[in-house]
Amino acid sequence: MNISANLKSIQKEVGAATIVAISKTKPKEDIEAAYAVGQRIFGENRAQELEEKAAVLPKDIQWHMVGNLQSNKVKYIAPFVDLIHSVDKLSLLKEINKRARQNNRVIDVLLQMYIADEESKSGLNEEDLKALLESKAYHSFENIRVVGMMGMATLTDNKAQIKKEFSHLKDIFDNTKASYFSEDSNFSILSMGMSGDYKIALDCGSNMIRVGSAIFGSRDYA
């Protein structure tokens, strides 16, 4: 697997969009190979694995938490994480805010939306989103910053369905920006698209893609 060549090819395709190299389960050496050709943003889905990698890899790496994050794991990444992608409940936001405050930080987060036709996927629906953004608790948080949204399409070969789901998320993003963040330039990230569907996502307005196997090869499972 030629990590450098894979990454360079994707970099040419995506233009101005941000690439998050999904390095979960991958060894330090693979991350260093991507780092050597300019990749600085890496995504992990386990808080303690992320903490361990951050301790031994270059300090200018921006670490993103991309997987399901349990509240009791936030403390491991709060001192250094750059962006948490998968926030889908008020209670998790509350814990992130608490841990960010303890570390004298403001932590950037994305709200995860449920757009797929799959029960295994998680995220907020539009009613949940409205309730969260209009809640008193949300407006009391001073150590988190909502900078955008993310979502995952259905795992299917039906490109029309994937396009429909990504387009729906783009509409939600645009409406939310207009309704709740019109004066906030930080609300700017629409993270959608992975190795199998990032080209469709880019066509639908994504400006951040999460790419793992297309860079590093098939995932290793413990």
N, C-alpha and C. Protein backbone atom coordinates (compact mmCIF):
# COMPACT_ATOMS: atom_id res chain seq x y z
N MET A 1 0.85 -1.20 0.00
CA MET A 1 0.00 0.00 0.00
C MET A 1 0.88 1.24 0.00
N ASN A 2 0.80 2.03 -1.06
CA ASN A 2 1.61 3.24 -1.17
C ASN A 2 0.82 4.43 -0.61
N ILE A 3 1.02 4.67 0.66
CA ILE A 3 0.25 5.70 1.36
C ILE A 3 0.49 7.07 0.74
N SER A 4 1.72 7.39 0.45
CA SER A 4 2.05 8.70 -0.12
C SER A 4 1.35 8.92 -1.45
N ALA A 5 1.42 7.94 -2.34
CA ALA A 5 0.80 8.07 -3.66
C ALA A 5 -0.71 8.19 -3.55
N ASN A 6 -1.29 7.39 -2.68
CA ASN A 6 -2.75 7.44 -2.48
C ASN A 6 -3.18 8.83 -2.01
N LEU A 7 -2.46 9.34 -1.04
CA LEU A 7 -2.82 10.63 -0.46
C LEU A 7 -2.65 11.76 -1.47
N LYS A 8 -1.56 11.74 -2.21
CA LYS A 8 -1.33 12.78 -3.21
C LYS A 8 -2.43 12.78 -4.27
N SER A 9 -2.88 11.60 -4.66
CA SER A 9 -3.94 11.49 -5.65
C SER A 9 -5.24 12.10 -5.13
N ILE A 10 -5.58 11.81 -3.88
CA ILE A 10 -6.80 12.35 -3.29
C ILE A 10 -6.68 13.86 -3.11
N GLN A 11 -5.51 14.33 -2.71
CA GLN A 11 -5.30 15.77 -2.53
C GLN A 11 -5.59 16.53 -3.83
N LYS A 12 -5.21 15.95 -4.95
CA LYS A 12 -5.45 16.59 -6.24
C LYS A 12 -6.94 16.63 -6.57
N GLU A 13 -7.67 15.60 -6.14
CA GLU A 13 -9.10 15.50 -6.46
C GLU A 13 -9.96 16.47 -5.66
N VAL A 14 -9.59 16.71 -4.43
CA VAL A 14 -10.54 17.39 -3.52
C VAL A 14 -10.44 18.91 -3.54
N GLY A 15 -9.43 19.45 -4.15
CA GLY A 15 -9.31 20.90 -4.20
C GLY A 15 -9.17 21.52 -2.83
N ALA A 16 -10.05 22.46 -2.51
CA ALA A 16 -9.94 23.20 -1.26
C ALA A 16 -10.54 22.47 -0.07
N ALA A 17 -11.21 21.35 -0.30
CA ALA A 17 -11.82 20.61 0.81
C ALA A 17 -10.74 20.05 1.74
N THR A 18 -11.07 19.95 3.00
CA THR A 18 -10.15 19.42 4.01
C THR A 18 -10.22 17.89 4.04
N ILE A 19 -9.07 17.26 4.06
CA ILE A 19 -8.99 15.81 4.19
C ILE A 19 -8.66 15.45 5.64
N VAL A 20 -9.51 14.65 6.25
CA VAL A 20 -9.20 14.06 7.55
C VAL A 20 -8.76 12.62 7.27
N ALA A 21 -7.50 12.32 7.50
CA ALA A 21 -6.98 10.98 7.26
C ALA A 21 -7.36 10.09 8.45
N ILE A 22 -8.24 9.14 8.20
CA ILE A 22 -8.75 8.29 9.29
C ILE A 22 -7.74 7.19 9.58
N SER A 23 -7.03 7.37 10.68
CA SER A 23 -5.89 6.52 11.00
C SER A 23 -6.18 5.50 12.09
N LYS A 24 -7.45 5.32 12.42
CA LYS A 24 -7.81 4.37 13.48
C LYS A 24 -7.29 2.97 13.14
N THR A 25 -6.75 2.32 14.12
CA THR A 25 -6.14 0.98 14.07
C THR A 25 -4.81 0.96 13.32
N LYS A 26 -4.41 2.08 12.73
CA LYS A 26 -3.18 2.09 11.94
C LYS A 26 -1.98 2.41 12.82
N PRO A 27 -0.82 1.82 12.50
CA PRO A 27 0.36 2.06 13.33
C PRO A 27 0.95 3.45 13.11
N LYS A 28 1.81 3.82 14.03
CA LYS A 28 2.47 5.12 13.99
C LYS A 28 3.19 5.34 12.66
N GLU A 29 3.78 4.29 12.11
CA GLU A 29 4.55 4.41 10.88
C GLU A 29 3.68 4.83 9.70
N ASP A 30 2.45 4.35 9.65
CA ASP A 30 1.54 4.74 8.57
C ASP A 30 1.18 6.23 8.67
N ILE A 31 0.95 6.68 9.89
CA ILE A 31 0.64 8.10 10.09
C ILE A 31 1.84 8.95 9.70
N GLU A 32 3.03 8.50 10.05
CA GLU A 32 4.24 9.24 9.70
C GLU A 32 4.43 9.31 8.19
N ALA A 33 4.03 8.26 7.46
CA ALA A 33 4.14 8.27 6.00
C ALA A 33 3.22 9.32 5.39
N ALA A 34 2.01 9.44 5.93
CA ALA A 34 1.09 10.47 5.44
C ALA A 34 1.56 11.86 5.86
N TYR A 35 2.09 11.96 7.06
CA TYR A 35 2.61 13.24 7.56
C TYR A 35 3.74 13.74 6.66
N ALA A 36 4.55 12.81 6.16
CA ALA A 36 5.72 13.17 5.35
C ALA A 36 5.35 13.86 4.04
N VAL A 37 4.11 13.64 3.57
CA VAL A 37 3.68 14.31 2.33
C VAL A 37 2.66 15.42 2.62
N GLY A 38 2.71 15.92 3.83
CA GLY A 38 1.97 17.13 4.14
C GLY A 38 0.66 16.98 4.88
N GLN A 39 0.20 15.74 5.15
CA GLN A 39 -1.05 15.57 5.87
C GLN A 39 -0.87 15.92 7.33
N ARG A 40 -1.75 16.77 7.84
CA ARG A 40 -1.63 17.20 9.23
C ARG A 40 -2.88 16.92 10.06
N ILE A 41 -3.95 16.49 9.43
CA ILE A 41 -5.20 16.23 10.17
C ILE A 41 -5.50 14.74 10.13
N PHE A 42 -5.61 14.15 11.30
CA PHE A 42 -5.85 12.72 11.42
C PHE A 42 -7.04 12.47 12.34
N GLY A 43 -7.81 11.43 12.02
CA GLY A 43 -9.00 11.11 12.78
C GLY A 43 -8.92 9.75 13.43
N GLU A 44 -9.34 9.67 14.67
CA GLU A 44 -9.36 8.43 15.43
C GLU A 44 -10.75 8.23 16.02
N ASN A 45 -11.11 6.98 16.33
CA ASN A 45 -12.43 6.72 16.87
C ASN A 45 -12.41 6.14 18.28
N ARG A 46 -11.24 6.01 18.87
CA ARG A 46 -11.14 5.55 20.25
C ARG A 46 -10.30 6.54 21.03
N ALA A 47 -10.89 7.06 22.10
CA ALA A 47 -10.26 8.16 22.83
C ALA A 47 -8.88 7.78 23.38
N GLN A 48 -8.75 6.58 23.92
CA GLN A 48 -7.47 6.23 24.53
C GLN A 48 -6.40 5.94 23.48
N GLU A 49 -6.81 5.38 22.34
CA GLU A 49 -5.85 5.19 21.25
C GLU A 49 -5.40 6.55 20.72
N LEU A 50 -6.31 7.48 20.63
CA LEU A 50 -5.99 8.83 20.19
C LEU A 50 -5.00 9.48 21.15
N GLU A 51 -5.25 9.33 22.43
CA GLU A 51 -4.36 9.89 23.45
C GLU A 51 -2.95 9.31 23.32
N GLU A 52 -2.87 8.01 23.11
CA GLU A 52 -1.57 7.34 23.00
C GLU A 52 -0.81 7.80 21.76
N LYS A 53 -1.50 7.94 20.64
CA LYS A 53 -0.83 8.37 19.41
C LYS A 53 -0.38 9.82 19.50
N ALA A 54 -1.21 10.66 20.08
CA ALA A 54 -0.86 12.07 20.19
C ALA A 54 0.41 12.27 21.02
N ALA A 55 0.64 11.37 21.96
CA ALA A 55 1.80 11.50 22.84
C ALA A 55 3.12 11.23 22.13
N VAL A 56 3.09 10.47 21.04
CA VAL A 56 4.35 10.03 20.41
C VAL A 56 4.53 10.55 18.99
N LEU A 57 3.54 11.26 18.46
CA LEU A 57 3.62 11.77 17.09
C LEU A 57 3.80 13.28 17.10
N PRO A 58 4.17 13.88 15.94
CA PRO A 58 4.47 15.31 15.91
C PRO A 58 3.38 16.19 16.51
N LYS A 59 3.81 17.23 17.20
CA LYS A 59 2.89 18.05 17.96
C LYS A 59 2.06 18.99 17.09
N ASP A 60 2.43 19.14 15.81
CA ASP A 60 1.61 20.00 14.96
C ASP A 60 0.49 19.25 14.26
N ILE A 61 0.32 17.97 14.57
CA ILE A 61 -0.82 17.22 14.05
C ILE A 61 -2.09 17.74 14.72
N GLN A 62 -3.14 17.88 13.91
CA GLN A 62 -4.47 18.22 14.43
C GLN A 62 -5.25 16.91 14.55
N TRP A 63 -5.67 16.60 15.75
CA TRP A 63 -6.36 15.34 16.00
C TRP A 63 -7.87 15.55 16.05
N HIS A 64 -8.59 14.75 15.26
CA HIS A 64 -10.04 14.79 15.25
C HIS A 64 -10.58 13.49 15.83
N MET A 65 -11.58 13.62 16.68
CA MET A 65 -12.30 12.45 17.19
C MET A 65 -13.50 12.23 16.30
N VAL A 66 -13.53 11.09 15.59
CA VAL A 66 -14.55 10.89 14.57
C VAL A 66 -15.58 9.81 14.93
N GLY A 67 -15.29 9.00 15.91
CA GLY A 67 -16.20 7.91 16.23
C GLY A 67 -17.15 8.27 17.36
N ASN A 68 -18.01 7.32 17.67
CA ASN A 68 -18.93 7.48 18.80
C ASN A 68 -18.13 7.74 20.07
N LEU A 69 -18.44 8.83 20.74
CA LEU A 69 -17.68 9.23 21.92
C LEU A 69 -18.55 9.12 23.17
N GLN A 70 -18.13 8.27 24.09
CA GLN A 70 -18.84 8.14 25.36
C GLN A 70 -18.40 9.26 26.30
N SER A 71 -19.34 9.73 27.09
CA SER A 71 -19.04 10.85 27.97
C SER A 71 -17.86 10.58 28.90
N ASN A 72 -17.73 9.34 29.36
CA ASN A 72 -16.64 9.04 30.30
C ASN A 72 -15.27 8.95 29.64
N LYS A 73 -15.22 9.11 28.30
CA LYS A 73 -13.94 9.08 27.59
C LYS A 73 -13.46 10.48 27.20
N VAL A 74 -14.31 11.48 27.37
CA VAL A 74 -13.97 12.83 26.93
C VAL A 74 -12.70 13.32 27.63
N LYS A 75 -12.53 12.96 28.89
CA LYS A 75 -11.40 13.46 29.68
C LYS A 75 -10.06 13.10 29.07
N TYR A 76 -9.99 11.99 28.32
CA TYR A 76 -8.72 11.57 27.75
C TYR A 76 -8.25 12.48 26.61
N ILE A 77 -9.18 13.09 25.91
CA ILE A 77 -8.81 13.88 24.73
C ILE A 77 -9.01 15.38 24.90
N ALA A 78 -9.70 15.77 25.96
CA ALA A 78 -10.02 17.19 26.16
C ALA A 78 -8.80 18.11 26.19
N PRO A 79 -7.64 17.68 26.68
CA PRO A 79 -6.51 18.61 26.72
C PRO A 79 -5.97 19.02 25.36
N PHE A 80 -6.25 18.24 24.30
CA PHE A 80 -5.56 18.52 23.04
C PHE A 80 -6.40 18.35 21.77
N VAL A 81 -7.55 17.69 21.82
CA VAL A 81 -8.29 17.39 20.60
C VAL A 81 -8.66 18.68 19.87
N ASP A 82 -8.56 18.67 18.54
CA ASP A 82 -8.86 19.86 17.75
C ASP A 82 -10.32 19.95 17.34
N LEU A 83 -10.93 18.81 17.06
CA LEU A 83 -12.33 18.82 16.63
C LEU A 83 -12.97 17.48 16.97
N ILE A 84 -14.17 17.53 17.54
CA ILE A 84 -14.96 16.33 17.82
C ILE A 84 -16.11 16.30 16.83
N HIS A 85 -16.16 15.26 16.00
CA HIS A 85 -17.13 15.20 14.90
C HIS A 85 -18.50 14.71 15.33
N SER A 86 -18.56 13.85 16.31
CA SER A 86 -19.74 13.00 16.48
C SER A 86 -20.60 13.37 17.68
N VAL A 87 -20.95 14.64 17.81
CA VAL A 87 -21.78 15.08 18.93
C VAL A 87 -23.25 14.96 18.53
N ASP A 88 -23.96 14.11 19.24
CA ASP A 88 -25.36 13.84 18.87
C ASP A 88 -26.32 13.93 20.04
N LYS A 89 -25.86 14.51 21.14
CA LYS A 89 -26.77 14.67 22.29
C LYS A 89 -26.28 15.78 23.20
N LEU A 90 -27.22 16.41 23.88
CA LEU A 90 -26.92 17.52 24.77
C LEU A 90 -26.03 17.08 25.93
N SER A 91 -26.24 15.88 26.43
CA SER A 91 -25.45 15.42 27.57
C SER A 91 -23.96 15.30 27.21
N LEU A 92 -23.67 14.91 25.97
CA LEU A 92 -22.27 14.84 25.54
C LEU A 92 -21.67 16.24 25.42
N LEU A 93 -22.44 17.17 24.89
CA LEU A 93 -21.97 18.56 24.82
C LEU A 93 -21.65 19.09 26.22
N LYS A 94 -22.50 18.75 27.16
CA LYS A 94 -22.30 19.20 28.54
C LYS A 94 -20.98 18.68 29.10
N GLU A 95 -20.68 17.41 28.84
CA GLU A 95 -19.43 16.83 29.33
C GLU A 95 -18.21 17.43 28.63
N ILE A 96 -18.32 17.65 27.34
CA ILE A 96 -17.21 18.28 26.60
C ILE A 96 -16.96 19.68 27.14
N ASN A 97 -18.02 20.43 27.38
CA ASN A 97 -17.88 21.77 27.94
C ASN A 97 -17.20 21.72 29.30
N LYS A 98 -17.61 20.77 30.13
CA LYS A 98 -17.01 20.62 31.47
C LYS A 98 -15.52 20.34 31.39
N ARG A 99 -15.15 19.38 30.54
CA ARG A 99 -13.74 19.00 30.44
C ARG A 99 -12.91 20.08 29.76
N ALA A 100 -13.51 20.78 28.81
CA ALA A 100 -12.80 21.90 28.17
C ALA A 100 -12.52 23.00 29.18
N ARG A 101 -13.50 23.28 30.02
CA ARG A 101 -13.32 24.31 31.06
C ARG A 101 -12.20 23.93 32.02
N GLN A 102 -12.14 22.65 32.39
CA GLN A 102 -11.08 22.18 33.28
C GLN A 102 -9.70 22.36 32.68
N ASN A 103 -9.64 22.33 31.33
CA ASN A 103 -8.36 22.47 30.63
C ASN A 103 -8.15 23.88 30.07
N ASN A 104 -9.00 24.81 30.48
CA ASN A 104 -8.90 26.20 30.02
C ASN A 104 -8.89 26.30 28.50
N ARG A 105 -9.82 25.54 27.89
CA ARG A 105 -9.90 25.51 26.43
C ARG A 105 -11.33 25.74 25.96
N VAL A 106 -11.46 26.07 24.69
CA VAL A 106 -12.73 25.99 23.99
C VAL A 106 -12.56 24.90 22.94
N ILE A 107 -13.40 23.88 22.98
CA ILE A 107 -13.28 22.75 22.06
C ILE A 107 -14.31 22.88 20.94
N ASP A 108 -13.83 22.76 19.71
CA ASP A 108 -14.71 22.81 18.55
C ASP A 108 -15.40 21.46 18.35
N VAL A 109 -16.67 21.52 17.97
CA VAL A 109 -17.45 20.30 17.75
C VAL A 109 -18.30 20.43 16.50
N LEU A 110 -18.63 19.27 15.94
CA LEU A 110 -19.62 19.17 14.87
C LEU A 110 -20.84 18.44 15.41
N LEU A 111 -22.01 18.86 14.99
CA LEU A 111 -23.24 18.15 15.35
C LEU A 111 -23.49 17.06 14.32
N GLN A 112 -23.63 15.83 14.79
CA GLN A 112 -23.85 14.71 13.88
C GLN A 112 -25.34 14.55 13.58
N MET A 113 -25.67 14.57 12.30
CA MET A 113 -27.05 14.45 11.86
C MET A 113 -27.31 13.04 11.32
N TYR A 114 -28.51 12.56 11.57
CA TYR A 114 -28.92 11.24 11.08
C TYR A 114 -29.58 11.42 9.71
N ILE A 115 -28.91 10.94 8.66
CA ILE A 115 -29.44 11.11 7.31
C ILE A 115 -29.58 9.79 6.57
N ALA A 116 -29.06 8.71 7.12
CA ALA A 116 -29.01 7.43 6.42
C ALA A 116 -30.25 6.59 6.65
N ASP A 117 -30.46 5.65 5.76
CA ASP A 117 -31.53 4.68 5.92
C ASP A 117 -30.95 3.42 6.56
N GLU A 118 -30.34 3.62 7.72
CA GLU A 118 -29.69 2.52 8.45
C GLU A 118 -29.85 2.74 9.94
N GLU A 119 -30.35 1.75 10.63
CA GLU A 119 -30.53 1.89 12.08
C GLU A 119 -29.21 1.92 12.81
N SER A 120 -28.15 1.38 12.19
CA SER A 120 -26.85 1.34 12.87
C SER A 120 -26.19 2.71 12.94
N LYS A 121 -26.62 3.63 12.11
CA LYS A 121 -26.08 4.98 12.14
C LYS A 121 -26.75 5.78 13.27
N SER A 122 -26.04 6.76 13.79
CA SER A 122 -26.60 7.58 14.86
C SER A 122 -26.58 9.04 14.45
N GLY A 123 -27.22 9.87 15.25
CA GLY A 123 -27.22 11.29 14.97
C GLY A 123 -28.54 11.94 15.35
N LEU A 124 -28.55 13.26 15.28
CA LEU A 124 -29.73 14.04 15.58
C LEU A 124 -30.68 14.08 14.39
N ASN A 125 -31.97 14.05 14.65
CA ASN A 125 -32.91 14.40 13.58
C ASN A 125 -33.18 15.90 13.67
N GLU A 126 -33.98 16.43 12.78
CA GLU A 126 -34.17 17.88 12.73
C GLU A 126 -34.89 18.42 13.96
N GLU A 127 -35.79 17.63 14.53
CA GLU A 127 -36.46 18.06 15.77
C GLU A 127 -35.47 18.09 16.93
N ASP A 128 -34.62 17.06 17.00
CA ASP A 128 -33.59 17.03 18.05
C ASP A 128 -32.66 18.23 17.93
N LEU A 129 -32.29 18.53 16.70
CA LEU A 129 -31.38 19.65 16.45
C LEU A 129 -31.98 20.96 16.95
N LYS A 130 -33.23 21.20 16.61
CA LYS A 130 -33.91 22.43 17.03
C LYS A 130 -33.98 22.52 18.55
N ALA A 131 -34.34 21.40 19.19
CA ALA A 131 -34.45 21.38 20.64
C ALA A 131 -33.10 21.66 21.30
N LEU A 132 -32.05 21.08 20.75
CA LEU A 132 -30.72 21.30 21.32
C LEU A 132 -30.30 22.76 21.20
N LEU A 133 -30.42 23.31 19.99
CA LEU A 133 -29.93 24.66 19.75
C LEU A 133 -30.76 25.73 20.45
N GLU A 134 -31.98 25.39 20.81
CA GLU A 134 -32.83 26.36 21.50
C GLU A 134 -32.90 26.12 23.01
N SER A 135 -32.14 25.16 23.49
CA SER A 135 -32.18 24.82 24.91
C SER A 135 -31.40 25.83 25.74
N LYS A 136 -31.85 26.02 26.95
CA LYS A 136 -31.16 26.91 27.88
C LYS A 136 -29.77 26.39 28.19
N ALA A 137 -29.65 25.07 28.32
CA ALA A 137 -28.36 24.47 28.65
C ALA A 137 -27.33 24.77 27.57
N TYR A 138 -27.71 24.59 26.31
CA TYR A 138 -26.78 24.85 25.20
C TYR A 138 -26.24 26.28 25.27
N HIS A 139 -27.10 27.21 25.54
CA HIS A 139 -26.68 28.62 25.55
C HIS A 139 -25.85 28.97 26.78
N SER A 140 -25.77 28.05 27.72
CA SER A 140 -24.94 28.30 28.91
C SER A 140 -23.51 27.80 28.73
N PHE A 141 -23.26 27.02 27.69
CA PHE A 141 -21.94 26.44 27.48
C PHE A 141 -20.98 27.51 26.95
N GLU A 142 -19.88 27.70 27.65
CA GLU A 142 -18.90 28.71 27.26
C GLU A 142 -17.60 28.11 26.75
N ASN A 143 -17.46 26.80 26.84
CA ASN A 143 -16.19 26.17 26.47
C ASN A 143 -16.32 25.18 25.31
N ILE A 144 -17.43 25.28 24.58
CA ILE A 144 -17.56 24.53 23.33
C ILE A 144 -17.96 25.52 22.24
N ARG A 145 -17.60 25.17 21.02
CA ARG A 145 -17.97 25.99 19.87
C ARG A 145 -18.46 25.07 18.76
N VAL A 146 -19.71 25.21 18.38
CA VAL A 146 -20.26 24.42 17.27
C VAL A 146 -19.81 25.06 15.96
N VAL A 147 -19.02 24.32 15.19
CA VAL A 147 -18.43 24.88 13.97
C VAL A 147 -18.98 24.26 12.70
N GLY A 148 -19.99 23.37 12.85
CA GLY A 148 -20.58 22.78 11.65
C GLY A 148 -21.31 21.49 11.95
N MET A 149 -21.45 20.69 10.90
CA MET A 149 -22.22 19.45 10.97
C MET A 149 -21.49 18.33 10.26
N MET A 150 -21.86 17.11 10.63
CA MET A 150 -21.37 15.95 9.90
C MET A 150 -22.49 14.94 9.77
N GLY A 151 -22.34 14.04 8.81
CA GLY A 151 -23.31 12.97 8.64
C GLY A 151 -22.75 11.89 7.74
N MET A 152 -23.29 10.69 7.90
CA MET A 152 -22.86 9.54 7.09
C MET A 152 -24.03 9.01 6.28
N ALA A 153 -23.79 8.80 5.01
CA ALA A 153 -24.82 8.27 4.13
C ALA A 153 -24.96 6.76 4.33
N THR A 154 -26.04 6.22 3.80
CA THR A 154 -26.27 4.78 3.83
C THR A 154 -25.15 4.05 3.09
N LEU A 155 -24.73 2.92 3.64
CA LEU A 155 -23.73 2.08 2.97
C LEU A 155 -24.42 1.29 1.87
N THR A 156 -24.36 1.81 0.66
CA THR A 156 -25.07 1.21 -0.46
C THR A 156 -24.36 1.54 -1.76
N ASP A 157 -24.61 0.75 -2.79
CA ASP A 157 -24.07 1.05 -4.12
C ASP A 157 -24.99 1.99 -4.90
N ASN A 158 -26.12 2.33 -4.31
CA ASN A 158 -27.09 3.20 -4.98
C ASN A 158 -26.63 4.66 -4.86
N LYS A 159 -25.98 5.15 -5.90
CA LYS A 159 -25.41 6.49 -5.86
C LYS A 159 -26.49 7.57 -5.76
N ALA A 160 -27.65 7.30 -6.35
CA ALA A 160 -28.74 8.27 -6.28
C ALA A 160 -29.20 8.45 -4.84
N GLN A 161 -29.25 7.37 -4.09
CA GLN A 161 -29.66 7.46 -2.69
C GLN A 161 -28.62 8.23 -1.88
N ILE A 162 -27.35 7.91 -2.11
CA ILE A 162 -26.28 8.61 -1.40
C ILE A 162 -26.34 10.11 -1.69
N LYS A 163 -26.51 10.45 -2.95
CA LYS A 163 -26.60 11.86 -3.34
C LYS A 163 -27.79 12.54 -2.67
N LYS A 164 -28.91 11.85 -2.62
CA LYS A 164 -30.10 12.41 -1.98
C LYS A 164 -29.85 12.69 -0.50
N GLU A 165 -29.18 11.77 0.18
CA GLU A 165 -28.92 11.94 1.61
C GLU A 165 -27.93 13.07 1.87
N PHE A 166 -26.87 13.14 1.06
CA PHE A 166 -25.91 14.22 1.23
C PHE A 166 -26.54 15.58 0.89
N SER A 167 -27.37 15.62 -0.12
CA SER A 167 -28.03 16.87 -0.48
C SER A 167 -28.97 17.32 0.62
N HIS A 168 -29.63 16.35 1.26
CA HIS A 168 -30.51 16.67 2.40
C HIS A 168 -29.71 17.28 3.54
N LEU A 169 -28.54 16.72 3.82
CA LEU A 169 -27.72 17.26 4.89
C LEU A 169 -27.24 18.67 4.53
N LYS A 170 -26.90 18.90 3.28
CA LYS A 170 -26.49 20.25 2.86
C LYS A 170 -27.63 21.24 3.08
N ASP A 171 -28.86 20.82 2.81
CA ASP A 171 -30.01 21.70 3.06
C ASP A 171 -30.16 22.00 4.55
N ILE A 172 -30.01 20.97 5.38
CA ILE A 172 -30.10 21.17 6.84
C ILE A 172 -29.01 22.13 7.30
N PHE A 173 -27.81 21.93 6.79
CA PHE A 173 -26.69 22.80 7.15
C PHE A 173 -26.99 24.25 6.79
N ASP A 174 -27.44 24.46 5.56
CA ASP A 174 -27.72 25.82 5.10
C ASP A 174 -28.83 26.48 5.92
N ASN A 175 -29.88 25.72 6.20
CA ASN A 175 -31.00 26.26 6.98
C ASN A 175 -30.58 26.57 8.42
N THR A 176 -29.75 25.69 8.99
CA THR A 176 -29.27 25.91 10.36
C THR A 176 -28.36 27.12 10.42
N LYS A 177 -27.51 27.26 9.42
CA LYS A 177 -26.63 28.43 9.35
C LYS A 177 -27.46 29.71 9.32
N ALA A 178 -28.48 29.72 8.48
CA ALA A 178 -29.32 30.92 8.34
C ALA A 178 -30.11 31.21 9.61
N SER A 179 -30.60 30.16 10.27
CA SER A 179 -31.49 30.34 11.41
C SER A 179 -30.77 30.59 12.74
N TYR A 180 -29.59 29.96 12.91
CA TYR A 180 -28.96 30.00 14.22
C TYR A 180 -27.53 30.56 14.23
N PHE A 181 -26.87 30.56 13.08
CA PHE A 181 -25.46 30.94 13.06
C PHE A 181 -25.15 31.99 12.00
N SER A 182 -26.13 32.78 11.64
CA SER A 182 -25.95 33.74 10.54
C SER A 182 -24.86 34.77 10.84
N GLU A 183 -24.63 35.05 12.13
CA GLU A 183 -23.61 36.02 12.51
C GLU A 183 -22.32 35.36 12.98
N ASP A 184 -22.24 34.04 12.80
CA ASP A 184 -21.09 33.29 13.33
C ASP A 184 -20.31 32.66 12.18
N SER A 185 -19.19 33.25 11.84
CA SER A 185 -18.38 32.75 10.73
C SER A 185 -17.71 31.42 11.05
N ASN A 186 -17.66 31.05 12.33
CA ASN A 186 -17.04 29.77 12.70
C ASN A 186 -17.88 28.58 12.26
N PHE A 187 -19.18 28.79 12.11
CA PHE A 187 -20.06 27.69 11.68
C PHE A 187 -19.91 27.56 10.16
N SER A 188 -18.97 26.72 9.74
CA SER A 188 -18.58 26.69 8.33
C SER A 188 -18.26 25.30 7.80
N ILE A 189 -18.21 24.29 8.66
CA ILE A 189 -17.76 22.97 8.24
C ILE A 189 -18.94 22.05 7.96
N LEU A 190 -18.94 21.45 6.80
CA LEU A 190 -19.90 20.40 6.46
C LEU A 190 -19.08 19.15 6.15
N SER A 191 -19.02 18.25 7.11
CA SER A 191 -18.18 17.06 7.00
C SER A 191 -19.04 15.88 6.56
N MET A 192 -18.89 15.50 5.31
CA MET A 192 -19.57 14.32 4.80
C MET A 192 -18.76 13.74 3.66
N GLY A 193 -18.78 12.42 3.59
CA GLY A 193 -18.02 11.72 2.57
C GLY A 193 -16.87 10.94 3.17
N MET A 194 -16.81 9.63 2.81
CA MET A 194 -15.74 8.76 3.25
C MET A 194 -15.10 8.11 2.02
N SER A 195 -14.26 7.12 2.22
CA SER A 195 -13.50 6.56 1.10
C SER A 195 -14.38 6.15 -0.07
N GLY A 196 -15.54 5.56 0.21
CA GLY A 196 -16.38 5.04 -0.86
C GLY A 196 -17.30 6.04 -1.52
N ASP A 197 -17.50 7.21 -0.88
CA ASP A 197 -18.50 8.13 -1.42
C ASP A 197 -18.09 9.61 -1.36
N TYR A 198 -16.81 9.87 -1.14
CA TYR A 198 -16.43 11.28 -0.95
C TYR A 198 -16.59 12.12 -2.21
N LYS A 199 -16.49 11.49 -3.38
CA LYS A 199 -16.66 12.26 -4.62
C LYS A 199 -18.10 12.77 -4.74
N ILE A 200 -19.06 11.93 -4.37
CA ILE A 200 -20.46 12.36 -4.37
C ILE A 200 -20.66 13.46 -3.34
N ALA A 201 -20.06 13.28 -2.17
CA ALA A 201 -20.20 14.27 -1.10
C ALA A 201 -19.65 15.64 -1.53
N LEU A 202 -18.52 15.63 -2.19
CA LEU A 202 -17.94 16.90 -2.65
C LEU A 202 -18.87 17.59 -3.64
N ASP A 203 -19.47 16.81 -4.52
CA ASP A 203 -20.42 17.38 -5.48
C ASP A 203 -21.64 17.99 -4.78
N CYS A 204 -21.95 17.47 -3.60
CA CYS A 204 -23.12 17.94 -2.85
C CYS A 204 -22.79 19.06 -1.86
N GLY A 205 -21.55 19.50 -1.84
CA GLY A 205 -21.21 20.64 -1.01
C GLY A 205 -20.35 20.37 0.21
N SER A 206 -19.87 19.14 0.36
CA SER A 206 -18.99 18.86 1.49
C SER A 206 -17.71 19.67 1.38
N ASN A 207 -17.21 20.15 2.52
CA ASN A 207 -15.90 20.79 2.52
C ASN A 207 -14.92 20.12 3.47
N MET A 208 -15.31 18.94 3.97
CA MET A 208 -14.41 18.13 4.79
C MET A 208 -14.77 16.67 4.58
N ILE A 209 -13.79 15.86 4.17
CA ILE A 209 -14.04 14.43 3.96
C ILE A 209 -13.18 13.62 4.92
N ARG A 210 -13.69 12.44 5.27
CA ARG A 210 -13.01 11.56 6.22
C ARG A 210 -12.60 10.30 5.46
N VAL A 211 -11.32 10.17 5.17
CA VAL A 211 -10.84 9.13 4.27
C VAL A 211 -9.84 8.24 4.99
N GLY A 212 -10.15 6.95 5.08
CA GLY A 212 -9.25 6.01 5.72
C GLY A 212 -8.68 4.99 4.77
N SER A 213 -9.51 4.03 4.32
CA SER A 213 -9.00 2.92 3.51
C SER A 213 -8.43 3.37 2.17
N ALA A 214 -8.95 4.46 1.60
CA ALA A 214 -8.42 4.96 0.32
C ALA A 214 -7.00 5.50 0.47
N ILE A 215 -6.61 5.80 1.69
CA ILE A 215 -5.23 6.24 1.96
C ILE A 215 -4.39 5.11 2.50
N PHE A 216 -4.89 4.45 3.54
CA PHE A 216 -4.08 3.49 4.30
C PHE A 216 -4.32 2.03 3.95
N GLY A 217 -5.31 1.76 3.12
CA GLY A 217 -5.68 0.37 2.85
C GLY A 217 -6.72 -0.11 3.83
N SER A 218 -7.10 -1.35 3.70
CA SER A 218 -8.16 -1.91 4.54
C SER A 218 -7.83 -1.79 6.01
N ARG A 219 -8.88 -1.57 6.80
CA ARG A 219 -8.72 -1.39 8.23
C ARG A 219 -8.27 -2.68 8.89
N ASP A 220 -7.45 -2.52 9.91
CA ASP A 220 -7.02 -3.67 10.72
C ASP A 220 -7.92 -3.77 11.95
N TYR A 221 -8.41 -4.93 12.20
CA TYR A 221 -9.29 -5.12 13.36
C TYR A 221 -8.58 -5.98 14.39
N ALA A 222 -8.74 -5.58 15.65
CA ALA A 222 -8.12 -6.35 16.74
C ALA A 222 -8.88 -7.65 16.93
